[in-house]
């Protein structure tokens, strides 16, 4: 069977009560992307003919988050087998393979899915179960195989003998099923059990009774990591971050203290980038080669071009585009602004809704005043301009190339190229005033103290 003849069913109907959240469990983020999207990103690599998500509560949340999948409802949670039954209107006539996954198991790699597809092509194999060998098998269901490695049965822990419990090959719950037989097998499921539910695992016995073999593909424990609680979510985040840090270093990025650097799912770091401790990459960050991100900086939705230096303690917000060899220093915030090559904003400044030309220098404490409470306005600073410390540039305003703005100025009108703009109060000096002031105030203080003592 060609590998493209596959449909995917993602089970996401669980109530997620242990998350204690109004947000659907599968929409909680890992690396700033919903866990369901992590799974779907991998699923799309298979180019399935159809992807169906089975949901229960909060269906509207999933529909709003996912636009390229069919979504069906399982009004009553009557087991995993019942959940797959809910896809019958979409898949009942489908004859390709059907891969059943879980929306709260986001890290299963495409290579494992391909291995399951390959195993299904073996003679007489009608079902493939994904197993794993956890460090602590605990109460997982055990996969009992024959001497040829074919699956004979799945035994729940509570029903297992001591010998069966000693088996460390466990059931992940995910499986690949011959779609031509799927719904006839589902029709044979029974809910005559303590929970009154239809279990997908019972398909193993049904497939074998139908003369079909059941194969097992093994996964690493982290590949089938499930998320049911906030603690599980934190563990999944840690696994994701560890993998991303390792991948970044393998690709040529230097992380001086890897455990303190946090990535988003789409962070792109080129070779020879250096990232110091405590850096946080939000979504949408690209850093080009030879750039340095210094300690405790926060970047989101930005591009940092080659050779630039950011931080320490810098914040780059969405829309920031930092040019080659530019310098953004400590306690600088940049938002929706393009800084050309060689620009320096060394400390304690806010640059928003702006364009700054090549090699311009922005002094400490400079602010682009871009918002009047209703609308945003732009500031344009020409190439080679020098903005003195503690200046306020009230947008909309343009500073010409090579212009100088004196320190402490409040600029409300355009400044011509190569001009000097000074916009501050005139300094006055009163000789001897300070000494007289101190004497007068000391006498007042002494008089007050004397009155309190009486």
Protein backbone atom coordinates (compact mmCIF):
# COMPACT_ATOMS: atom_id res chain seq x y z
CA UNK A 1 0.00 0.00 0.00
CA UNK A 2 1.40 3.43 -0.88
CA UNK A 3 2.34 5.30 2.24
CA UNK A 4 0.03 8.21 1.43
CA UNK A 5 -3.05 5.98 1.82
CA UNK A 6 -3.48 6.81 5.46
CA UNK A 7 -5.96 8.64 7.63
CA UNK A 8 -5.22 9.87 11.13
CA UNK A 9 -7.58 9.93 14.09
CA UNK A 10 -6.54 12.08 17.04
CA UNK A 11 -8.37 11.34 20.29
CA UNK A 12 -8.88 14.50 22.34
CA UNK A 13 -12.20 13.96 24.10
CA UNK A 14 -10.87 13.57 27.62
CA UNK A 15 -12.15 16.09 30.13
CA UNK A 16 -8.67 17.01 31.36
CA UNK A 17 -9.96 17.60 34.88
CA UNK A 18 -6.49 17.25 36.42
CA UNK A 19 -5.33 20.33 34.50
CA UNK A 20 -7.92 22.42 36.40
CA UNK A 21 -8.25 24.81 33.47
CA UNK A 22 -10.91 26.34 31.26
CA UNK A 23 -8.55 25.84 28.33
CA UNK A 24 -8.86 22.51 26.54
CA UNK A 25 -6.06 20.23 27.66
CA UNK A 26 -4.59 19.70 24.19
CA UNK A 27 -4.33 23.47 23.66
CA UNK A 28 -1.96 24.05 26.57
CA UNK A 29 1.36 25.24 25.14
CA UNK A 30 4.76 23.60 25.04
CA UNK A 31 7.46 25.86 23.64
CA UNK A 32 4.74 28.48 23.03
CA UNK A 33 2.76 26.18 20.73
CA UNK A 34 -0.31 24.10 21.69
CA UNK A 35 0.60 20.48 22.34
CA UNK A 36 -1.99 19.44 19.74
CA UNK A 37 -0.16 21.52 17.11
CA UNK A 38 3.11 19.77 17.98
CA UNK A 39 1.42 16.48 17.11
CA UNK A 40 -0.33 17.80 13.99
CA UNK A 41 2.93 19.30 12.72
CA UNK A 42 4.37 15.78 12.71
CA UNK A 43 1.21 14.22 11.29
CA UNK A 44 1.29 16.58 8.31
CA UNK A 45 4.63 15.07 7.28
CA UNK A 46 2.71 11.88 6.43
CA UNK A 47 0.43 13.83 4.07
CA UNK A 48 -2.66 11.94 5.33
CA UNK A 49 -5.75 11.88 3.15
CA UNK A 50 -7.83 12.84 6.15
CA UNK A 51 -7.16 13.90 9.74
CA UNK A 52 -10.03 13.65 12.21
CA UNK A 53 -9.94 15.01 15.74
CA UNK A 54 -12.40 13.53 18.24
CA UNK A 55 -13.31 16.04 20.95
CA UNK A 56 -15.69 16.20 23.88
CA UNK A 57 -16.02 19.39 25.87
CA UNK A 58 -14.68 22.74 24.60
CA UNK A 59 -15.12 21.68 20.97
CA UNK A 60 -15.32 25.34 19.95
CA UNK A 61 -11.81 25.96 21.31
CA UNK A 62 -10.32 23.17 19.20
CA UNK A 63 -12.24 24.28 16.09
CA UNK A 64 -10.91 27.81 16.53
CA UNK A 65 -7.33 26.56 16.93
CA UNK A 66 -7.24 23.97 14.11
CA UNK A 67 -8.49 24.77 10.62
CA UNK A 68 -7.16 21.93 8.46
CA UNK A 69 -8.75 18.93 10.21
CA UNK A 70 -12.21 17.42 10.51
CA UNK A 71 -13.59 17.56 14.02
CA UNK A 72 -16.23 15.24 15.43
CA UNK A 73 -17.78 15.10 18.89
CA UNK A 74 -17.91 12.28 21.40
CA UNK A 75 -20.80 13.51 23.52
CA UNK A 76 -20.43 10.72 26.06
CA UNK A 77 -16.99 9.47 27.01
CA UNK A 78 -17.57 5.72 26.65
CA UNK A 79 -14.00 4.64 25.99
CA UNK A 80 -11.34 4.83 23.33
CA UNK A 81 -13.10 2.36 21.05
CA UNK A 82 -16.28 4.41 21.24
CA UNK A 83 -14.28 7.55 20.41
CA UNK A 84 -13.02 6.00 17.16
CA UNK A 85 -16.58 4.89 16.36
CA UNK A 86 -17.50 8.58 16.23
CA UNK A 87 -15.46 8.92 13.02
CA UNK A 88 -17.64 6.47 11.10
CA UNK A 89 -19.37 9.05 8.91
CA UNK A 90 -15.98 10.26 7.69
CA UNK A 91 -14.04 7.00 7.54
CA UNK A 92 -16.47 4.10 7.25
CA UNK A 93 -15.77 3.64 3.52
CA UNK A 94 -12.05 4.36 3.85
CA UNK A 95 -9.82 1.41 2.96
CA UNK A 96 -6.38 2.78 3.75
CA UNK A 97 -4.59 2.54 7.08
CA UNK A 98 -6.01 4.44 10.05
CA UNK A 99 -3.49 5.73 12.58
CA UNK A 100 -4.95 6.39 16.03
CA UNK A 101 -3.04 8.94 18.13
CA UNK A 102 -3.69 10.99 21.27
CA UNK A 103 -3.81 14.78 21.38
CA UNK A 104 -2.08 14.82 24.76
CA UNK A 105 0.89 12.75 23.48
CA UNK A 106 2.59 15.42 21.38
CA UNK A 107 6.14 14.19 20.80
CA UNK A 108 5.73 11.00 18.76
CA UNK A 109 8.19 11.38 15.86
CA UNK A 110 7.34 10.89 12.20
CA UNK A 111 9.93 8.10 11.98
CA UNK A 112 7.89 6.01 14.44
CA UNK A 113 4.72 6.60 12.46
CA UNK A 114 6.57 5.47 9.34
CA UNK A 115 7.81 2.37 11.18
CA UNK A 116 4.22 1.51 12.10
CA UNK A 117 3.16 1.94 8.46
CA UNK A 118 6.00 -0.31 7.33
CA UNK A 119 5.07 -2.97 9.89
CA UNK A 120 1.48 -2.97 8.62
CA UNK A 121 2.73 -3.95 5.18
CA UNK A 122 4.02 -7.29 6.48
CA UNK A 123 2.05 -10.37 5.49
CA UNK A 124 -1.28 -10.77 7.33
CA UNK A 125 -0.63 -7.87 9.72
CA UNK A 126 -3.93 -6.11 10.32
CA UNK A 127 -3.02 -4.09 13.36
CA UNK A 128 0.15 -2.45 14.70
CA UNK A 129 0.42 -1.43 18.35
CA UNK A 130 2.98 1.10 19.56
CA UNK A 131 4.75 -0.11 22.68
CA UNK A 132 7.50 1.23 24.91
CA UNK A 133 9.68 0.14 27.79
CA UNK A 134 9.35 2.74 30.58
CA UNK A 135 11.91 3.08 33.34
CA UNK A 136 9.08 2.38 35.76
CA UNK A 137 6.40 0.15 34.14
CA UNK A 138 4.13 0.83 37.12
CA UNK A 139 0.50 0.17 36.19
CA UNK A 140 0.75 0.34 32.41
CA UNK A 141 -0.92 -2.41 30.40
CA UNK A 142 1.57 -5.08 29.33
CA UNK A 143 2.12 -6.26 25.75
CA UNK A 144 2.45 -10.04 25.69
CA UNK A 145 4.14 -11.25 22.53
CA UNK A 146 4.88 -14.67 21.04
CA UNK A 147 8.28 -16.02 20.09
CA UNK A 148 8.09 -14.25 16.73
CA UNK A 149 7.39 -10.88 18.35
CA UNK A 150 3.73 -10.78 17.31
CA UNK A 151 1.34 -9.42 19.89
CA UNK A 152 -0.86 -12.04 21.52
CA UNK A 153 -2.74 -9.87 23.96
CA UNK A 154 -2.72 -6.69 26.03
CA UNK A 155 -3.09 -7.35 29.74
CA UNK A 156 -4.12 -4.55 32.07
CA UNK A 157 -1.94 -4.33 35.16
CA UNK A 158 -4.77 -5.13 37.55
CA UNK A 159 -5.52 -8.33 35.63
CA UNK A 160 -1.91 -9.41 35.08
CA UNK A 161 -0.19 -12.34 36.75
CA UNK A 162 3.17 -11.86 38.44
CA UNK A 163 4.85 -13.29 35.33
CA UNK A 164 2.98 -10.89 33.07
CA UNK A 165 3.75 -7.94 35.33
CA UNK A 166 7.43 -8.77 34.99
CA UNK A 167 7.17 -7.92 31.27
CA UNK A 168 8.43 -4.37 30.70
CA UNK A 169 6.97 -3.89 27.21
CA UNK A 170 4.01 -1.61 27.80
CA UNK A 171 1.07 -0.28 25.82
CA UNK A 172 1.15 3.36 24.66
CA UNK A 173 -2.45 3.20 23.46
CA UNK A 174 -1.56 4.24 19.90
CA UNK A 175 -2.12 1.89 16.99
CA UNK A 176 -2.36 1.58 13.23
CA UNK A 177 -5.36 -0.32 11.90
CA UNK A 178 -6.38 -1.76 8.54
CA UNK A 179 -9.09 0.72 7.58
CA UNK A 180 -10.91 -1.84 5.46
CA UNK A 181 -11.57 -3.87 8.62
CA UNK A 182 -11.69 -1.11 11.23
CA UNK A 183 -15.43 -0.58 11.58
CA UNK A 184 -16.36 -4.24 11.30
CA UNK A 185 -13.92 -4.86 14.15
CA UNK A 186 -15.27 -1.90 16.13
CA UNK A 187 -18.77 -3.36 15.78
CA UNK A 188 -17.55 -6.40 17.71
CA UNK A 189 -16.38 -4.40 20.73
CA UNK A 190 -18.28 -4.96 23.96
CA UNK A 191 -18.77 -2.70 26.95
CA UNK A 192 -19.37 -5.58 29.32
CA UNK A 193 -16.68 -4.57 31.75
CA UNK A 194 -16.46 -2.81 35.08
CA UNK A 195 -16.26 0.65 33.49
CA UNK A 196 -18.98 -0.01 30.92
CA UNK A 197 -16.69 1.29 28.16
CA UNK A 198 -15.57 0.19 24.70
CA UNK A 199 -11.82 -0.37 24.73
CA UNK A 200 -9.71 0.03 21.58
CA UNK A 201 -7.24 -2.46 23.03
CA UNK A 202 -9.83 -5.22 22.56
CA UNK A 203 -9.18 -4.95 18.82
CA UNK A 204 -6.06 -7.07 19.35
CA UNK A 205 -8.13 -10.15 20.20
CA UNK A 206 -10.71 -9.37 17.51
CA UNK A 207 -8.06 -8.97 14.79
CA UNK A 208 -6.39 -12.26 15.79
CA UNK A 209 -9.75 -14.05 15.72
CA UNK A 210 -10.15 -12.67 12.19
CA UNK A 211 -6.92 -14.37 11.19
CA UNK A 212 -4.78 -11.25 11.21
CA UNK A 213 -1.44 -10.84 12.94
CA UNK A 214 -0.79 -7.97 15.33
CA UNK A 215 2.66 -6.38 15.18
CA UNK A 216 4.44 -4.26 17.78
CA UNK A 217 6.67 -1.24 17.11
CA UNK A 218 8.71 0.02 20.04
CA UNK A 219 9.14 3.68 20.99
CA UNK A 220 11.37 5.49 23.45
CA UNK A 221 9.58 6.54 26.62
CA UNK A 222 9.93 10.25 25.86
CA UNK A 223 8.38 9.72 22.42
CA UNK A 224 5.08 8.64 24.01
CA UNK A 225 5.11 11.06 26.91
CA UNK A 226 1.51 11.78 27.93
CA UNK A 227 0.26 14.97 29.58
CA UNK A 228 -2.58 14.86 32.09
CA UNK A 229 -1.63 17.43 34.72
CA UNK A 230 0.26 20.67 35.19
CA UNK A 231 3.18 18.64 36.53
CA UNK A 232 3.15 16.53 33.36
CA UNK A 233 3.04 19.72 31.30
CA UNK A 234 6.08 21.09 33.11
CA UNK A 235 7.93 17.82 32.51
CA UNK A 236 7.01 17.93 28.81
CA UNK A 237 8.28 21.50 28.60
CA UNK A 238 11.56 20.42 30.16
CA UNK A 239 11.90 17.58 27.64
CA UNK A 240 11.17 19.97 24.77
CA UNK A 241 13.67 22.54 26.01
CA UNK A 242 16.41 19.96 26.49
CA UNK A 243 15.96 18.70 22.94
CA UNK A 244 15.95 22.21 21.47
CA UNK A 245 19.08 23.21 23.38
CA UNK A 246 20.90 20.11 22.19
CA UNK A 247 19.78 20.71 18.60
CA UNK A 248 20.93 24.34 18.73
CA UNK A 249 24.39 23.44 20.00
CA UNK A 250 24.72 20.61 17.47
CA UNK A 251 23.96 23.17 14.74
CA UNK A 252 26.77 25.49 15.87
CA UNK A 253 25.20 27.81 18.44
CA UNK A 254 27.06 28.48 21.69
CA UNK A 255 24.91 28.34 24.83
CA UNK A 256 27.13 29.31 27.73
CA UNK A 257 24.64 28.00 30.30
CA UNK A 258 22.19 25.83 28.34
CA UNK A 259 19.81 25.01 31.18
CA UNK A 260 18.87 28.69 31.58
CA UNK A 261 18.02 29.40 27.92
CA UNK A 262 14.38 28.96 26.86
CA UNK A 263 13.33 28.32 23.27
CA UNK A 264 10.06 28.59 21.40
CA UNK A 265 9.00 26.01 18.84
CA UNK A 266 10.12 28.23 15.94
CA UNK A 267 13.32 29.80 17.31
CA UNK A 268 15.98 29.98 14.58
CA UNK A 269 19.61 30.48 15.59
CA UNK A 270 22.37 30.45 12.99
CA UNK A 271 25.85 29.00 13.41
CA UNK A 272 28.27 30.98 15.58
CA UNK A 273 25.52 32.74 17.50
CA UNK A 274 26.37 33.08 21.19
CA UNK A 275 23.61 33.03 23.79
CA UNK A 276 24.47 33.94 27.36
CA UNK A 277 22.61 32.77 30.50
CA UNK A 278 19.00 33.59 31.25
CA UNK A 279 17.81 34.38 27.71
CA UNK A 280 14.16 33.80 26.75
CA UNK A 281 13.12 33.37 23.12
CA UNK A 282 9.42 33.95 22.54
CA UNK A 283 7.73 32.98 19.26
CA UNK A 284 9.03 34.26 15.94
CA UNK A 285 12.72 34.92 16.65
CA UNK A 286 15.47 34.62 14.03
CA UNK A 287 19.11 35.33 14.91
CA UNK A 288 21.73 35.40 12.16
CA UNK A 289 25.35 34.27 12.33
CA UNK A 290 27.90 35.81 14.71
CA UNK A 291 25.28 37.68 16.71
CA UNK A 292 25.47 37.72 20.51
CA UNK A 293 22.47 37.64 22.83
CA UNK A 294 23.74 38.69 26.22
CA UNK A 295 22.42 37.60 29.59
CA UNK A 296 18.83 38.00 30.75
CA UNK A 297 17.41 39.34 27.52
CA UNK A 298 13.87 38.67 26.27
CA UNK A 299 13.17 38.42 22.52
CA UNK A 300 9.86 37.85 20.76
CA UNK A 301 8.82 38.29 17.14
CA UNK A 302 12.16 39.80 16.08
CA UNK A 303 15.02 39.45 13.63
CA UNK A 304 18.59 39.99 14.77
CA UNK A 305 21.00 40.27 11.86
CA UNK A 306 24.59 39.08 11.67
CA UNK A 307 27.13 40.50 14.08
CA UNK A 308 24.60 42.36 16.22
CA UNK A 309 24.88 42.45 20.01
CA UNK A 310 21.79 42.39 22.23
CA UNK A 311 21.71 43.08 25.96
CA UNK A 312 22.31 42.30 28.70
CA UNK A 313 18.81 42.88 30.13
CA UNK A 314 17.34 43.95 26.78
CA UNK A 315 13.77 43.45 25.63
CA UNK A 316 13.02 43.10 21.92
CA UNK A 317 9.30 43.05 21.17
CA UNK A 318 7.42 42.00 18.02
CA UNK A 319 8.43 43.87 14.89
CA UNK A 320 11.96 44.69 15.99
CA UNK A 321 14.49 44.28 13.17
CA UNK A 322 18.06 44.79 14.34
CA UNK A 323 20.63 45.47 11.62
CA UNK A 324 24.08 44.02 11.08
CA UNK A 325 26.64 44.89 13.77
CA UNK A 326 24.07 47.00 15.65
CA UNK A 327 24.36 47.28 19.42
CA UNK A 328 21.38 47.12 21.77
CA UNK A 329 22.56 47.56 25.35
CA UNK A 330 21.23 47.06 28.85
CA UNK A 331 17.68 48.06 29.76
CA UNK A 332 16.75 48.95 26.18
CA UNK A 333 13.30 48.11 24.79
CA UNK A 334 12.70 47.94 21.04
CA UNK A 335 9.24 47.48 19.52
CA UNK A 336 8.13 47.52 15.86
CA UNK A 337 11.26 49.34 14.77
CA UNK A 338 13.87 48.78 12.09
CA UNK A 339 17.42 49.61 13.05
CA UNK A 340 19.88 49.64 10.17
CA UNK A 341 23.47 48.40 10.29
CA UNK A 342 25.77 49.81 12.96
CA UNK A 343 23.09 51.57 15.03
CA UNK A 344 23.89 51.94 18.72
CA UNK A 345 21.24 52.11 21.43
CA UNK A 346 23.48 51.38 24.35
CA UNK A 347 21.35 51.79 27.45
CA UNK A 348 18.10 52.80 29.15
CA UNK A 349 16.07 53.69 26.06
CA UNK A 350 12.70 52.93 24.47
CA UNK A 351 12.46 52.80 20.68
CA UNK A 352 9.00 52.08 19.26
CA UNK A 353 7.42 52.51 15.82
CA UNK A 354 10.64 53.85 14.39
CA UNK A 355 13.19 53.61 11.62
CA UNK A 356 16.81 54.40 12.50
CA UNK A 357 19.39 54.85 9.78
CA UNK A 358 22.85 53.38 9.46
CA UNK A 359 25.37 54.17 12.25
CA UNK A 360 23.02 56.47 14.16
CA UNK A 361 23.74 56.75 17.90
CA UNK A 362 20.92 56.92 20.44
CA UNK A 363 21.95 58.28 23.85
CA UNK A 364 20.95 56.90 27.22
CA UNK A 365 17.39 57.60 28.31
CA UNK A 366 16.07 58.44 24.85
CA UNK A 367 12.37 57.80 24.26
CA UNK A 368 10.37 57.77 21.05
CA UNK A 369 7.00 59.10 22.22
CA UNK A 370 4.91 57.07 19.80
CA UNK A 371 1.43 56.92 21.40
CA UNK A 372 -1.01 59.71 22.25
CA UNK A 373 -3.50 57.46 24.01
CA UNK A 374 -5.39 56.73 20.79
CA UNK A 375 -3.01 56.28 17.85
CA UNK A 376 0.58 55.23 17.20
CA UNK A 377 2.98 57.51 15.27
CA UNK A 378 6.37 56.92 13.70
CA UNK A 379 9.81 58.38 14.35
CA UNK A 380 12.43 58.50 11.58
CA UNK A 381 16.10 59.04 12.43
CA UNK A 382 18.54 59.46 9.58
CA UNK A 383 21.87 57.78 9.03
CA UNK A 384 24.67 59.02 11.28
CA UNK A 385 22.38 61.12 13.48
CA UNK A 386 23.36 61.58 17.15
CA UNK A 387 20.60 61.76 19.76
CA UNK A 388 21.81 63.12 23.10
CA UNK A 389 20.97 61.49 26.39
CA UNK A 390 17.56 61.89 27.99
CA UNK A 391 15.88 63.14 24.82
CA UNK A 392 12.18 62.70 24.06
CA UNK A 393 11.27 62.47 20.38
CA UNK A 394 7.54 63.23 20.07
CA UNK A 395 6.19 61.41 17.02
CA UNK A 396 5.40 61.92 14.27
CA UNK A 397 8.85 63.40 13.82
CA UNK A 398 11.86 63.06 11.55
CA UNK A 399 15.51 63.63 12.44
CA UNK A 400 17.66 64.20 9.37
CA UNK A 401 20.83 62.32 8.48
CA UNK A 402 23.85 63.54 10.46
CA UNK A 403 21.72 65.77 12.72
CA UNK A 404 22.54 66.37 16.39
CA UNK A 405 19.93 66.50 19.14
CA UNK A 406 21.20 68.07 22.34
CA UNK A 407 20.88 66.10 25.56
CA UNK A 408 17.67 66.67 27.49
CA UNK A 409 15.73 67.95 24.47
CA UNK A 410 12.03 67.41 23.81
CA UNK A 411 11.80 67.34 20.01
CA UNK A 412 8.34 68.10 18.62
CA UNK A 413 9.25 69.24 15.09
CA UNK A 414 11.38 67.80 12.30
CA UNK A 415 15.13 68.40 12.44
CA UNK A 416 16.99 69.02 9.17
CA UNK A 417 19.97 66.96 8.06
CA UNK A 418 23.24 68.04 9.75
CA UNK A 419 21.38 70.53 11.98
CA UNK A 420 21.67 70.92 15.76
CA UNK A 421 18.39 70.85 17.66
CA UNK A 422 18.22 72.15 21.24
CA UNK A 423 14.84 72.06 22.97
CA UNK A 424 15.26 72.58 26.71
CA UNK A 425 14.78 75.31 29.29
CA UNK A 426 17.42 78.04 29.55
CA UNK A 427 19.80 77.55 32.50
CA UNK A 428 19.87 80.29 35.17
CA UNK A 429 22.45 80.65 37.98
CA UNK A 430 22.05 82.50 41.30
CA UNK A 431 25.41 83.09 43.04
CA UNK A 432 25.53 82.04 46.72
CA UNK A 433 21.95 80.83 46.71
CA UNK A 434 22.77 77.27 47.81
CA UNK A 435 24.66 78.35 50.94
CA UNK A 436 21.89 80.79 51.88
CA UNK A 437 19.28 78.07 51.32
CA UNK A 438 21.10 75.59 53.55
CA UNK A 439 21.49 78.14 56.37
CA UNK A 440 17.83 79.13 56.23
CA UNK A 441 16.58 75.55 56.22
CA UNK A 442 18.91 74.55 59.08
CA UNK A 443 17.52 77.41 61.21
CA UNK A 444 13.93 76.30 60.48
CA UNK A 445 14.75 72.71 61.39
CA UNK A 446 16.40 73.77 64.68
CA UNK A 447 13.42 75.95 65.58
CA UNK A 448 10.98 73.09 64.99
CA UNK A 449 13.08 70.74 67.11
CA UNK A 450 13.17 73.29 69.93
CA UNK A 451 9.36 73.63 69.95
CA UNK A 452 8.87 69.86 70.11
CA UNK A 453 11.23 69.66 73.11
CA UNK A 454 9.19 72.09 75.25
